[in-house]
Amino acid sequence: MGVGGAEDRLGALFMRLAKTAHVLQRREIGDLGLTPAQARALSVLGGCETPPRMTDLAARLHVVPRAVTPIVDALENAGLLRREVDPDNRRSTLLELTADGRKMCKRLIEFRARAAGELFAPLTEEQRHILLELLEKVDQESPEIKHASDRPAARR
């Protein structure tokens, strides 16, 4: 089988595993009363060193800024985050996790770990270690877009 065949198999396998991981995580986060979009936003907020602006969150989620408003509204109504006026730009709003929001982020991390454990259960510990090394290598050497959601958006 040529390289194209292996790439086709990798692509198909990647899509199946991504779908399985999504289903596992969706089942878990649904138990928390969150939508996938809300869980994703919380995860991004939990990884921020400083409270981001609404526009920063949108950039990290790869969505237009108006798309984050209903997500932020729901998270604020649930008591998981609060909006604060940006002292550097009073026209901007900063998003800060509440204590309950930080607890929910920890629960999301636990749920993701449980989902990953379920997904990779057929592998031995050694196989998991090898797979982790390989995936980290792919992640480190993938195209520039790979970590766009990890980089803070530039402050204006």
Protein backbone atom coordinates (compact mmCIF):
# COMPACT_ATOMS: atom_id res chain seq x y z
CA MET A 1 0.00 0.00 0.00
CA GLY A 2 1.38 3.42 -0.95
CA VAL A 3 1.70 6.51 1.18
CA GLY A 4 -1.68 7.81 -0.01
CA GLY A 5 -3.34 4.62 1.28
CA ALA A 6 -1.74 5.00 4.71
CA GLU A 7 -2.76 8.66 4.83
CA ASP A 8 -6.31 7.72 3.86
CA ARG A 9 -6.42 5.12 6.64
CA LEU A 10 -4.95 7.60 9.14
CA GLY A 11 -7.50 10.23 8.11
CA ALA A 12 -10.42 7.83 8.46
CA LEU A 13 -9.13 6.52 11.78
CA PHE A 14 -8.55 10.04 13.07
CA MET A 15 -12.14 10.99 12.21
CA ARG A 16 -13.60 7.87 13.87
CA LEU A 17 -11.56 8.38 17.04
CA ALA A 18 -12.37 12.09 17.15
CA LYS A 19 -16.08 11.26 16.88
CA THR A 20 -15.80 8.62 19.60
CA ALA A 21 -13.93 11.04 21.88
CA HIS A 22 -16.56 13.69 21.19
CA VAL A 23 -19.39 11.30 22.08
CA LEU A 24 -17.65 10.23 25.30
CA GLN A 25 -16.98 13.80 26.37
CA ARG A 26 -20.43 15.02 25.37
CA ARG A 27 -22.02 12.32 27.52
CA GLU A 28 -19.92 13.39 30.49
CA ILE A 29 -20.39 17.15 30.14
CA GLY A 30 -24.12 16.73 29.62
CA ASP A 31 -24.23 15.34 33.14
CA LEU A 32 -22.81 18.68 34.32
CA GLY A 33 -25.58 20.64 32.64
CA LEU A 34 -23.24 22.22 30.09
CA THR A 35 -23.39 22.32 26.33
CA PRO A 36 -20.24 21.36 24.42
CA ALA A 37 -19.72 25.03 23.52
CA GLN A 38 -19.99 26.09 27.16
CA ALA A 39 -17.58 23.34 28.25
CA ARG A 40 -15.11 24.37 25.56
CA ALA A 41 -15.32 28.03 26.59
CA LEU A 42 -14.81 27.12 30.25
CA SER A 43 -11.80 25.00 29.34
CA VAL A 44 -10.27 27.90 27.42
CA LEU A 45 -10.99 30.32 30.27
CA GLY A 46 -9.50 27.87 32.76
CA GLY A 47 -6.25 27.87 30.79
CA CYS A 48 -5.89 31.66 30.73
CA GLU A 49 -3.29 33.24 33.00
CA THR A 50 -5.24 36.50 33.14
CA PRO A 51 -8.92 37.17 32.45
CA PRO A 52 -9.36 37.51 28.68
CA ARG A 53 -11.57 39.95 26.82
CA MET A 54 -14.66 38.66 25.08
CA THR A 55 -12.86 39.16 21.75
CA ASP A 56 -9.89 37.12 23.02
CA LEU A 57 -12.21 34.25 23.95
CA ALA A 58 -13.81 34.38 20.51
CA ALA A 59 -10.37 34.24 18.86
CA ARG A 60 -9.30 31.29 21.00
CA LEU A 61 -12.52 29.46 20.15
CA HIS A 62 -12.15 30.36 16.46
CA VAL A 63 -15.59 31.97 16.30
CA VAL A 64 -16.87 35.47 15.62
CA PRO A 65 -17.17 37.62 18.76
CA ARG A 66 -20.99 37.73 18.69
CA ALA A 67 -21.04 33.91 18.90
CA VAL A 68 -19.55 33.97 22.41
CA THR A 69 -22.19 36.30 23.86
CA PRO A 70 -24.87 33.62 24.43
CA ILE A 71 -22.24 31.22 25.78
CA VAL A 72 -20.92 33.82 28.21
CA ASP A 73 -24.49 34.80 29.17
CA ALA A 74 -25.29 31.18 30.05
CA LEU A 75 -22.05 30.69 32.01
CA GLU A 76 -22.63 33.95 33.88
CA ASN A 77 -26.24 32.97 34.67
CA ALA A 78 -24.95 29.64 36.00
CA GLY A 79 -22.56 31.52 38.30
CA LEU A 80 -19.46 30.11 36.58
CA LEU A 81 -18.00 33.40 35.40
CA ARG A 82 -18.44 37.13 35.80
CA ARG A 83 -17.91 40.03 33.47
CA GLU A 84 -15.64 42.84 34.61
CA VAL A 85 -14.87 46.16 32.95
CA ASP A 86 -11.36 46.11 31.48
CA PRO A 87 -9.41 48.79 33.39
CA ASP A 88 -7.15 49.26 30.33
CA ASN A 89 -10.08 49.81 27.96
CA ARG A 90 -13.40 50.61 29.58
CA ARG A 91 -15.25 49.69 26.38
CA SER A 92 -14.03 46.09 26.73
CA THR A 93 -15.23 43.37 29.03
CA LEU A 94 -12.97 40.89 30.82
CA LEU A 95 -14.17 37.39 31.69
CA GLU A 96 -13.20 35.99 35.06
CA LEU A 97 -14.04 32.56 36.38
CA THR A 98 -15.80 32.41 39.72
CA ALA A 99 -14.82 29.88 42.39
CA ASP A 100 -17.61 27.63 41.04
CA GLY A 101 -16.24 28.13 37.52
CA ARG A 102 -12.77 27.03 38.61
CA LYS A 103 -14.29 23.95 40.28
CA MET A 104 -16.20 23.17 37.09
CA CYS A 105 -12.97 23.46 35.07
CA LYS A 106 -11.37 20.87 37.36
CA ARG A 107 -14.37 18.58 36.85
CA LEU A 108 -14.08 19.01 33.07
CA ILE A 109 -10.41 17.99 33.24
CA GLU A 110 -11.39 14.90 35.24
CA PHE A 111 -14.14 14.05 32.75
CA ARG A 112 -11.78 14.44 29.78
CA ALA A 113 -9.24 12.20 31.49
CA ARG A 114 -11.94 9.61 32.15
CA ALA A 115 -13.09 9.78 28.51
CA ALA A 116 -9.49 9.38 27.30
CA GLY A 117 -9.02 6.44 29.67
CA GLU A 118 -12.13 4.80 28.24
CA LEU A 119 -11.07 5.50 24.65
CA PHE A 120 -7.55 4.14 25.11
CA ALA A 121 -8.44 1.29 27.49
CA PRO A 122 -7.45 -1.38 24.94
CA LEU A 123 -3.82 -0.20 25.08
CA THR A 124 -1.22 -1.31 27.58
CA GLU A 125 0.55 1.31 29.69
CA GLU A 126 3.61 1.02 27.42
CA GLN A 127 1.46 1.46 24.30
CA ARG A 128 -0.20 4.52 25.82
CA HIS A 129 3.22 6.02 26.57
CA ILE A 130 4.39 5.43 22.97
CA LEU A 131 1.14 6.85 21.58
CA LEU A 132 1.47 9.92 23.80
CA GLU A 133 5.03 10.51 22.56
CA LEU A 134 3.93 10.17 18.94
CA LEU A 135 0.93 12.48 19.36
CA GLU A 136 3.08 15.08 21.15
CA LYS A 137 5.54 14.97 18.24
CA VAL A 138 2.72 15.51 15.73
CA ASP A 139 1.35 18.34 17.87
CA GLN A 140 4.74 20.06 18.16
CA GLU A 141 5.47 19.85 14.45
CA SER A 142 2.01 20.50 13.03
CA PRO A 143 1.21 23.63 11.01
CA GLU A 144 0.99 27.08 12.59
CA ILE A 145 -2.77 26.88 13.15
CA LYS A 146 -2.21 24.09 15.70
CA HIS A 147 -1.86 26.30 18.74
CA ALA A 148 -3.89 29.30 17.64
CA SER A 149 -6.29 28.62 20.49
CA ASP A 150 -3.43 28.47 22.99
CA ARG A 151 -1.97 31.87 22.15
CA PRO A 152 -3.40 34.92 23.84
CA ALA A 153 -4.91 37.38 21.42
CA ALA A 154 -3.02 40.65 21.19
CA ARG A 155 -4.29 43.38 23.48
CA ARG A 156 -5.28 46.55 21.68
